Amino acid sequence: PKDASTLPDGATLVKVEYASPNPVDYKMPELWLYRRLA
C-alpha cells in the first residue's frame, strides 16, 4: 500500500491473516461509474 512506509497520522499498517467479503465489496466495484470515478 502506498502509505505503508510513511503512515499518515492516525493510521495503522496491518499484516492480514484473514479477510471476509460482503455484498458491498463486489456491488460497488461492478458499478461502472463508481469504478471510473472512485
All heavy atoms as atom14 arrays in JSON, in Angstrom:
{
  "sequence": "PKDASTLPDGATLVKVEYASPNPVDYKMPELWLYRRLA",
  "atom14_mask": [
    [1, 1, 1, 1, 1, 1, 1, 0, 0, 0, 0, 0, 0, 0],
    [1, 1, 1, 1, 1, 1, 1, 1, 1, 0, 0, 0, 0, 0],
    [1, 1, 1, 1, 1, 1, 1, 1, 0, 0, 0, 0, 0, 0],
    [1, 1, 1, 1, 1, 0, 0, 0, 0, 0, 0, 0, 0, 0],
    [1, 1, 1, 1, 1, 1, 0, 0, 0, 0, 0, 0, 0, 0],
    [1, 1, 1, 1, 1, 1, 1, 0, 0, 0, 0, 0, 0, 0],
    [1, 1, 1, 1, 1, 1, 1, 1, 0, 0, 0, 0, 0, 0],
    [1, 1, 1, 1, 1, 1, 1, 0, 0, 0, 0, 0, 0, 0],
    [1, 1, 1, 1, 1, 1, 1, 1, 0, 0, 0, 0, 0, 0],
    [1, 1, 1, 1, 0, 0, 0, 0, 0, 0, 0, 0, 0, 0],
    [1, 1, 1, 1, 1, 0, 0, 0, 0, 0, 0, 0, 0, 0],
    [1, 1, 1, 1, 1, 1, 1, 0, 0, 0, 0, 0, 0, 0],
    [1, 1, 1, 1, 1, 1, 1, 1, 0, 0, 0, 0, 0, 0],
    [1, 1, 1, 1, 1, 1, 1, 0, 0, 0, 0, 0, 0, 0],
    [1, 1, 1, 1, 1, 1, 1, 1, 1, 0, 0, 0, 0, 0],
    [1, 1, 1, 1, 1, 1, 1, 0, 0, 0, 0, 0, 0, 0],
    [1, 1, 1, 1, 1, 1, 1, 1, 1, 0, 0, 0, 0, 0],
    [1, 1, 1, 1, 1, 1, 1, 1, 1, 1, 1, 1, 0, 0],
    [1, 1, 1, 1, 1, 0, 0, 0, 0, 0, 0, 0, 0, 0],
    [1, 1, 1, 1, 1, 1, 0, 0, 0, 0, 0, 0, 0, 0],
    [1, 1, 1, 1, 1, 1, 1, 0, 0, 0, 0, 0, 0, 0],
    [1, 1, 1, 1, 1, 1, 1, 1, 0, 0, 0, 0, 0, 0],
    [1, 1, 1, 1, 1, 1, 1, 0, 0, 0, 0, 0, 0, 0],
    [1, 1, 1, 1, 1, 1, 1, 0, 0, 0, 0, 0, 0, 0],
    [1, 1, 1, 1, 1, 1, 1, 1, 0, 0, 0, 0, 0, 0],
    [1, 1, 1, 1, 1, 1, 1, 1, 1, 1, 1, 1, 0, 0],
    [1, 1, 1, 1, 1, 1, 1, 1, 1, 0, 0, 0, 0, 0],
    [1, 1, 1, 1, 1, 1, 1, 1, 0, 0, 0, 0, 0, 0],
    [1, 1, 1, 1, 1, 1, 1, 0, 0, 0, 0, 0, 0, 0],
    [1, 1, 1, 1, 1, 1, 1, 1, 1, 0, 0, 0, 0, 0],
    [1, 1, 1, 1, 1, 1, 1, 1, 0, 0, 0, 0, 0, 0],
    [1, 1, 1, 1, 1, 1, 1, 1, 1, 1, 1, 1, 1, 1],
    [1, 1, 1, 1, 1, 1, 1, 1, 0, 0, 0, 0, 0, 0],
    [1, 1, 1, 1, 1, 1, 1, 1, 1, 1, 1, 1, 0, 0],
    [1, 1, 1, 1, 1, 1, 1, 1, 1, 1, 1, 0, 0, 0],
    [1, 1, 1, 1, 1, 1, 1, 1, 1, 1, 1, 0, 0, 0],
    [1, 1, 1, 1, 1, 1, 1, 1, 0, 0, 0, 0, 0, 0],
    [1, 1, 1, 1, 1, 0, 0, 0, 0, 0, 0, 0, 0, 0]
  ],
  "atom14_positions": [
    [[0.84, -1.21, 0.0], [0.0, 0.0, 0.0], [0.87, 1.25, 0.0], [1.93, 1.29, 0.63], [-0.8, -0.12, 1.3], [-0.85, -1.59, 1.57], [0.45, -2.14, 1.08], [0.0, 0.0, 0.0], [0.0, 0.0, 0.0], [0.0, 0.0, 0.0], [0.0, 0.0, 0.0], [0.0, 0.0, 0.0], [0.0, 0.0, 0.0], [0.0, 0.0, 0.0]],
    [[0.41, 2.29, -0.7], [1.24, 3.48, -0.91], [1.64, 4.18, 0.38], [2.67, 4.87, 0.42], [0.52, 4.45, -1.85], [-0.74, 5.07, -1.3], [-1.37, 5.99, -2.32], [-2.63, 6.66, -1.79], [-2.33, 7.64, -0.71], [0.0, 0.0, 0.0], [0.0, 0.0, 0.0], [0.0, 0.0, 0.0], [0.0, 0.0, 0.0], [0.0, 0.0, 0.0]],
    [[0.84, 4.02, 1.44], [1.17, 4.68, 2.71], [1.91, 3.77, 3.68], [2.12, 4.14, 4.84], [-0.12, 5.17, 3.38], [-0.82, 6.26, 2.58], [-0.11, 7.1, 2.03], [-2.07, 6.24, 2.52], [0.0, 0.0, 0.0], [0.0, 0.0, 0.0], [0.0, 0.0, 0.0], [0.0, 0.0, 0.0], [0.0, 0.0, 0.0], [0.0, 0.0, 0.0]],
    [[2.29, 2.57, 3.23], [2.86, 1.58, 4.15], [4.15, 2.06, 4.82], [4.37, 1.82, 6.01], [3.12, 0.27, 3.41], [0.0, 0.0, 0.0], [0.0, 0.0, 0.0], [0.0, 0.0, 0.0], [0.0, 0.0, 0.0], [0.0, 0.0, 0.0], [0.0, 0.0, 0.0], [0.0, 0.0, 0.0], [0.0, 0.0, 0.0], [0.0, 0.0, 0.0]],
    [[4.99, 2.75, 4.09], [6.29, 3.17, 4.64], [6.23, 4.5, 5.37], [7.04, 4.77, 6.25], [7.33, 3.26, 3.51], [7.53, 1.99, 2.92], [0.0, 0.0, 0.0], [0.0, 0.0, 0.0], [0.0, 0.0, 0.0], [0.0, 0.0, 0.0], [0.0, 0.0, 0.0], [0.0, 0.0, 0.0], [0.0, 0.0, 0.0], [0.0, 0.0, 0.0]],
    [[5.26, 5.33, 5.03], [5.12, 6.66, 5.65], [3.67, 6.85, 6.04], [2.91, 7.57, 5.37], [5.57, 7.77, 4.69], [4.84, 7.64, 3.45], [7.06, 7.66, 4.41], [0.0, 0.0, 0.0], [0.0, 0.0, 0.0], [0.0, 0.0, 0.0], [0.0, 0.0, 0.0], [0.0, 0.0, 0.0], [0.0, 0.0, 0.0], [0.0, 0.0, 0.0]],
    [[3.28, 6.2, 7.11], [1.88, 6.24, 7.54], [1.45, 7.65, 7.92], [2.18, 8.36, 8.64], [1.66, 5.32, 8.74], [1.69, 3.81, 8.51], [1.55, 3.09, 9.85], [0.59, 3.39, 7.56], [0.0, 0.0, 0.0], [0.0, 0.0, 0.0], [0.0, 0.0, 0.0], [0.0, 0.0, 0.0], [0.0, 0.0, 0.0], [0.0, 0.0, 0.0]],
    [[0.26, 8.06, 7.49], [-0.27, 9.35, 7.96], [-0.71, 9.24, 9.41], [-0.84, 8.14, 9.96], [-1.46, 9.59, 7.03], [-1.86, 8.24, 6.54], [-0.62, 7.42, 6.49], [0.0, 0.0, 0.0], [0.0, 0.0, 0.0], [0.0, 0.0, 0.0], [0.0, 0.0, 0.0], [0.0, 0.0, 0.0], [0.0, 0.0, 0.0], [0.0, 0.0, 0.0]],
    [[-0.93, 10.36, 10.04], [-1.38, 10.38, 11.43], [-2.66, 9.57, 11.59], [-3.58, 9.66, 10.77], [-1.64, 11.82, 11.89], [-0.35, 12.61, 12.05], [0.72, 11.98, 12.11], [-0.43, 13.85, 12.1], [0.0, 0.0, 0.0], [0.0, 0.0, 0.0], [0.0, 0.0, 0.0], [0.0, 0.0, 0.0], [0.0, 0.0, 0.0], [0.0, 0.0, 0.0]],
    [[-2.72, 8.78, 12.65], [-3.91, 8.0, 12.96], [-4.02, 6.69, 12.22], [-4.97, 5.94, 12.43], [0.0, 0.0, 0.0], [0.0, 0.0, 0.0], [0.0, 0.0, 0.0], [0.0, 0.0, 0.0], [0.0, 0.0, 0.0], [0.0, 0.0, 0.0], [0.0, 0.0, 0.0], [0.0, 0.0, 0.0], [0.0, 0.0, 0.0], [0.0, 0.0, 0.0]],
    [[-3.06, 6.38, 11.33], [-3.14, 5.19, 10.5], [-2.37, 4.03, 11.12], [-1.49, 4.21, 11.97], [-2.63, 5.47, 9.1], [0.0, 0.0, 0.0], [0.0, 0.0, 0.0], [0.0, 0.0, 0.0], [0.0, 0.0, 0.0], [0.0, 0.0, 0.0], [0.0, 0.0, 0.0], [0.0, 0.0, 0.0], [0.0, 0.0, 0.0], [0.0, 0.0, 0.0]],
    [[-2.72, 2.82, 10.66], [-2.08, 1.6, 11.13], [-1.82, 0.67, 9.95], [-2.68, 0.51, 9.09], [-2.99, 0.87, 12.15], [-3.24, 1.72, 13.26], [-2.34, -0.42, 12.65], [0.0, 0.0, 0.0], [0.0, 0.0, 0.0], [0.0, 0.0, 0.0], [0.0, 0.0, 0.0], [0.0, 0.0, 0.0], [0.0, 0.0, 0.0], [0.0, 0.0, 0.0]],
    [[-0.62, 0.1, 9.92], [-0.3, -0.91, 8.92], [-0.48, -2.28, 9.56], [0.1, -2.57, 10.62], [1.14, -0.75, 8.42], [1.62, -1.81, 7.41], [0.83, -1.71, 6.11], [3.12, -1.64, 7.15], [0.0, 0.0, 0.0], [0.0, 0.0, 0.0], [0.0, 0.0, 0.0], [0.0, 0.0, 0.0], [0.0, 0.0, 0.0], [0.0, 0.0, 0.0]],
    [[-1.3, -3.11, 8.93], [-1.65, -4.43, 9.47], [-1.17, -5.52, 8.51], [-1.32, -5.39, 7.29], [-3.18, -4.55, 9.65], [-3.56, -5.95, 10.12], [-3.68, -3.5, 10.65], [0.0, 0.0, 0.0], [0.0, 0.0, 0.0], [0.0, 0.0, 0.0], [0.0, 0.0, 0.0], [0.0, 0.0, 0.0], [0.0, 0.0, 0.0], [0.0, 0.0, 0.0]],
    [[-0.59, -6.57, 9.07], [-0.33, -7.78, 8.29], [-1.56, -8.66, 8.43], [-1.9, -9.12, 9.52], [0.92, -8.5, 8.77], [1.31, -9.65, 7.84], [2.69, -10.21, 8.15], [3.08, -11.26, 7.1], [4.42, -11.83, 7.38], [0.0, 0.0, 0.0], [0.0, 0.0, 0.0], [0.0, 0.0, 0.0], [0.0, 0.0, 0.0], [0.0, 0.0, 0.0]],
    [[-2.24, -8.89, 7.32], [-3.55, -9.53, 7.34], [-3.42, -11.04, 7.43], [-2.61, -11.65, 6.72], [-4.35, -9.15, 6.07], [-5.71, -9.83, 6.07], [-4.49, -7.63, 5.96], [0.0, 0.0, 0.0], [0.0, 0.0, 0.0], [0.0, 0.0, 0.0], [0.0, 0.0, 0.0], [0.0, 0.0, 0.0], [0.0, 0.0, 0.0], [0.0, 0.0, 0.0]],
    [[-4.22, -11.64, 8.3], [-4.3, -13.1, 8.36], [-5.58, -13.61, 7.72], [-5.57, -14.57, 6.96], [-4.21, -13.61, 9.8], [-4.21, -15.13, 9.86], [-3.78, -15.67, 11.21], [-3.01, -15.01, 11.92], [-4.22, -16.79, 11.56], [0.0, 0.0, 0.0], [0.0, 0.0, 0.0], [0.0, 0.0, 0.0], [0.0, 0.0, 0.0], [0.0, 0.0, 0.0]],
    [[-6.7, -12.96, 8.02], [-7.99, -13.34, 7.44], [-8.72, -12.11, 6.92], [-8.57, -11.0, 7.46], [-8.89, -14.02, 8.48], [-8.61, -15.49, 8.68], [-7.77, -15.91, 9.69], [-9.2, -16.45, 7.85], [-7.51, -17.26, 9.89], [-8.95, -17.8, 8.05], [-8.11, -18.19, 9.06], [-7.86, -19.54, 9.23], [0.0, 0.0, 0.0], [0.0, 0.0, 0.0]],
    [[-9.52, -12.31, 5.89], [-10.43, -11.28, 5.36], [-11.79, -11.94, 5.11], [-11.9, -13.17, 5.09], [-9.88, -10.7, 4.06], [0.0, 0.0, 0.0], [0.0, 0.0, 0.0], [0.0, 0.0, 0.0], [0.0, 0.0, 0.0], [0.0, 0.0, 0.0], [0.0, 0.0, 0.0], [0.0, 0.0, 0.0], [0.0, 0.0, 0.0], [0.0, 0.0, 0.0]],
    [[-12.8, -11.11, 4.93], [-14.15, -11.64, 4.71], [-14.92, -10.73, 3.76], [-15.0, -9.52, 4.0], [-14.9, -11.77, 6.04], [-16.17, -12.36, 5.86], [0.0, 0.0, 0.0], [0.0, 0.0, 0.0], [0.0, 0.0, 0.0], [0.0, 0.0, 0.0], [0.0, 0.0, 0.0], [0.0, 0.0, 0.0], [0.0, 0.0, 0.0], [0.0, 0.0, 0.0]],
    [[-15.49, -11.28, 2.68], [-16.22, -10.45, 1.71], [-17.64, -10.13, 2.16], [-18.25, -10.87, 2.94], [-16.23, -11.33, 0.45], [-16.22, -12.73, 0.98], [-15.4, -12.69, 2.23], [0.0, 0.0, 0.0], [0.0, 0.0, 0.0], [0.0, 0.0, 0.0], [0.0, 0.0, 0.0], [0.0, 0.0, 0.0], [0.0, 0.0, 0.0], [0.0, 0.0, 0.0]],
    [[-18.17, -9.04, 1.62], [-19.54, -8.6, 1.85], [-20.14, -8.15, 0.53], [-19.41, -7.88, -0.43], [-19.55, -7.42, 2.84], [-19.06, -7.81, 4.21], [-19.78, -8.38, 5.0], [-17.79, -7.5, 4.49], [0.0, 0.0, 0.0], [0.0, 0.0, 0.0], [0.0, 0.0, 0.0], [0.0, 0.0, 0.0], [0.0, 0.0, 0.0], [0.0, 0.0, 0.0]],
    [[-21.48, -8.04, 0.44], [-22.09, -7.62, -0.82], [-21.52, -6.32, -1.38], [-21.3, -6.19, -2.58], [-23.57, -7.48, -0.46], [-23.78, -8.47, 0.63], [-22.5, -8.44, 1.44], [0.0, 0.0, 0.0], [0.0, 0.0, 0.0], [0.0, 0.0, 0.0], [0.0, 0.0, 0.0], [0.0, 0.0, 0.0], [0.0, 0.0, 0.0], [0.0, 0.0, 0.0]],
    [[-21.26, -5.35, -0.51], [-20.74, -4.06, -0.97], [-19.39, -4.21, -1.65], [-19.02, -3.4, -2.51], [-20.65, -3.06, 0.2], [-19.58, -3.48, 1.2], [-20.42, -1.65, -0.29], [0.0, 0.0, 0.0], [0.0, 0.0, 0.0], [0.0, 0.0, 0.0], [0.0, 0.0, 0.0], [0.0, 0.0, 0.0], [0.0, 0.0, 0.0], [0.0, 0.0, 0.0]],
    [[-18.66, -5.26, -1.32], [-17.31, -5.44, -1.85], [-17.29, -5.83, -3.32], [-16.25, -5.71, -3.98], [-16.55, -6.48, -1.03], [-16.31, -6.02, 0.4], [-15.98, -4.84, 0.59], [-16.46, -6.84, 1.33], [0.0, 0.0, 0.0], [0.0, 0.0, 0.0], [0.0, 0.0, 0.0], [0.0, 0.0, 0.0], [0.0, 0.0, 0.0], [0.0, 0.0, 0.0]],
    [[-18.41, -6.32, -3.83], [-18.48, -6.54, -5.28], [-19.49, -5.62, -5.95], [-19.32, -5.25, -7.11], [-18.78, -8.01, -5.61], [-20.17, -8.49, -5.29], [-21.24, -8.26, -6.16], [-20.44, -9.23, -4.14], [-22.51, -8.71, -5.88], [-21.71, -9.68, -3.85], [-22.74, -9.43, -4.72], [-24.01, -9.88, -4.44], [0.0, 0.0, 0.0], [0.0, 0.0, 0.0]],
    [[-20.52, -5.21, -5.23], [-21.54, -4.36, -5.85], [-20.98, -3.01, -6.28], [-21.29, -2.53, -7.38], [-22.72, -4.17, -4.9], [-23.57, -5.42, -4.71], [-24.73, -5.17, -3.74], [-25.59, -6.41, -3.58], [-26.7, -6.2, -2.63], [0.0, 0.0, 0.0], [0.0, 0.0, 0.0], [0.0, 0.0, 0.0], [0.0, 0.0, 0.0], [0.0, 0.0, 0.0]],
    [[-20.18, -2.39, -5.43], [-19.64, -1.09, -5.78], [-18.59, -1.16, -6.9], [-18.68, -0.41, -7.87], [-19.08, -0.4, -4.53], [-20.12, -0.12, -3.46], [-21.6, 0.71, -4.09], [-20.91, 2.29, -4.57], [0.0, 0.0, 0.0], [0.0, 0.0, 0.0], [0.0, 0.0, 0.0], [0.0, 0.0, 0.0], [0.0, 0.0, 0.0], [0.0, 0.0, 0.0]],
    [[-17.59, -2.05, -6.83], [-16.62, -2.12, -7.94], [-17.25, -2.47, -9.28], [-16.72, -2.1, -10.33], [-15.65, -3.22, -7.48], [-15.74, -3.21, -6.0], [-17.18, -2.91, -5.71], [0.0, 0.0, 0.0], [0.0, 0.0, 0.0], [0.0, 0.0, 0.0], [0.0, 0.0, 0.0], [0.0, 0.0, 0.0], [0.0, 0.0, 0.0], [0.0, 0.0, 0.0]],
    [[-18.37, -3.2, -9.25], [-19.01, -3.58, -10.5], [-19.88, -2.48, -11.09], [-20.4, -2.61, -12.19], [-19.81, -4.87, -10.31], [-18.91, -6.08, -10.08], [-19.65, -7.38, -9.9], [-20.91, -7.37, -10.01], [-19.01, -8.42, -9.66], [0.0, 0.0, 0.0], [0.0, 0.0, 0.0], [0.0, 0.0, 0.0], [0.0, 0.0, 0.0], [0.0, 0.0, 0.0]],
    [[-20.03, -1.39, -10.36], [-20.7, -0.21, -10.9], [-19.7, 0.57, -11.75], [-18.67, 1.04, -11.25], [-21.23, 0.68, -9.79], [-22.56, 0.32, -9.15], [-22.86, 1.29, -8.02], [-23.69, 0.36, -10.16], [0.0, 0.0, 0.0], [0.0, 0.0, 0.0], [0.0, 0.0, 0.0], [0.0, 0.0, 0.0], [0.0, 0.0, 0.0], [0.0, 0.0, 0.0]],
    [[-20.01, 0.74, -13.02], [-19.06, 1.41, -13.92], [-18.71, 2.81, -13.44], [-17.54, 3.19, -13.43], [-19.66, 1.49, -15.33], [-18.76, 2.22, -16.3], [-17.73, 1.69, -17.03], [-18.78, 3.62, -16.6], [-17.12, 2.67, -17.77], [-17.75, 3.86, -17.53], [-19.58, 4.68, -16.18], [-17.5, 5.13, -18.05], [-19.32, 5.94, -16.69], [-18.29, 6.16, -17.62]],
    [[-19.71, 3.59, -13.01], [-19.45, 4.97, -12.6], [-18.57, 5.02, -11.36], [-17.64, 5.84, -11.29], [-20.78, 5.69, -12.34], [-20.68, 7.2, -12.1], [-20.09, 7.89, -13.31], [-22.05, 7.77, -11.75], [0.0, 0.0, 0.0], [0.0, 0.0, 0.0], [0.0, 0.0, 0.0], [0.0, 0.0, 0.0], [0.0, 0.0, 0.0], [0.0, 0.0, 0.0]],
    [[-18.84, 4.15, -10.4], [-18.03, 4.12, -9.18], [-16.6, 3.72, -9.53], [-15.64, 4.33, -9.04], [-18.63, 3.14, -8.18], [-17.81, 3.0, -6.9], [-17.99, 3.9, -5.86], [-16.86, 1.99, -6.76], [-17.23, 3.79, -4.7], [-16.11, 1.88, -5.6], [-16.3, 2.78, -4.58], [-15.55, 2.67, -3.43], [0.0, 0.0, 0.0], [0.0, 0.0, 0.0]],
    [[-16.46, 2.69, -10.36], [-15.12, 2.22, -10.73], [-14.35, 3.31, -11.46], [-13.15, 3.5, -11.27], [-15.26, 0.97, -11.6], [-13.95, 0.27, -11.88], [-14.19, -1.07, -12.55], [-14.74, -0.94, -13.9], [-15.96, -1.28, -14.26], [-16.8, -1.76, -13.36], [-16.36, -1.14, -15.51], [0.0, 0.0, 0.0], [0.0, 0.0, 0.0], [0.0, 0.0, 0.0]],
    [[-15.06, 4.09, -12.28], [-14.42, 5.13, -13.09], [-14.01, 6.33, -12.24], [-12.93, 6.9, -12.43], [-15.39, 5.56, -14.19], [-14.84, 6.6, -15.15], [-13.74, 6.05, -16.03], [-13.23, 7.05, -16.95], [-13.73, 7.27, -18.17], [-14.74, 6.54, -18.61], [-13.2, 8.18, -18.95], [0.0, 0.0, 0.0], [0.0, 0.0, 0.0], [0.0, 0.0, 0.0]],
    [[-14.87, 6.71, -11.3], [-14.64, 7.96, -10.57], [-13.97, 7.78, -9.21], [-13.3, 8.7, -8.73], [-15.97, 8.69, -10.37], [-16.72, 9.1, -11.64], [-18.01, 9.81, -11.26], [-15.85, 10.0, -12.52], [0.0, 0.0, 0.0], [0.0, 0.0, 0.0], [0.0, 0.0, 0.0], [0.0, 0.0, 0.0], [0.0, 0.0, 0.0], [0.0, 0.0, 0.0]],
    [[-14.13, 6.62, -8.59], [-13.68, 6.48, -7.2], [-12.6, 5.44, -6.99], [-12.15, 5.26, -5.85], [-14.89, 6.14, -6.31], [0.0, 0.0, 0.0], [0.0, 0.0, 0.0], [0.0, 0.0, 0.0], [0.0, 0.0, 0.0], [0.0, 0.0, 0.0], [0.0, 0.0, 0.0], [0.0, 0.0, 0.0], [0.0, 0.0, 0.0], [0.0, 0.0, 0.0]]
  ]
}
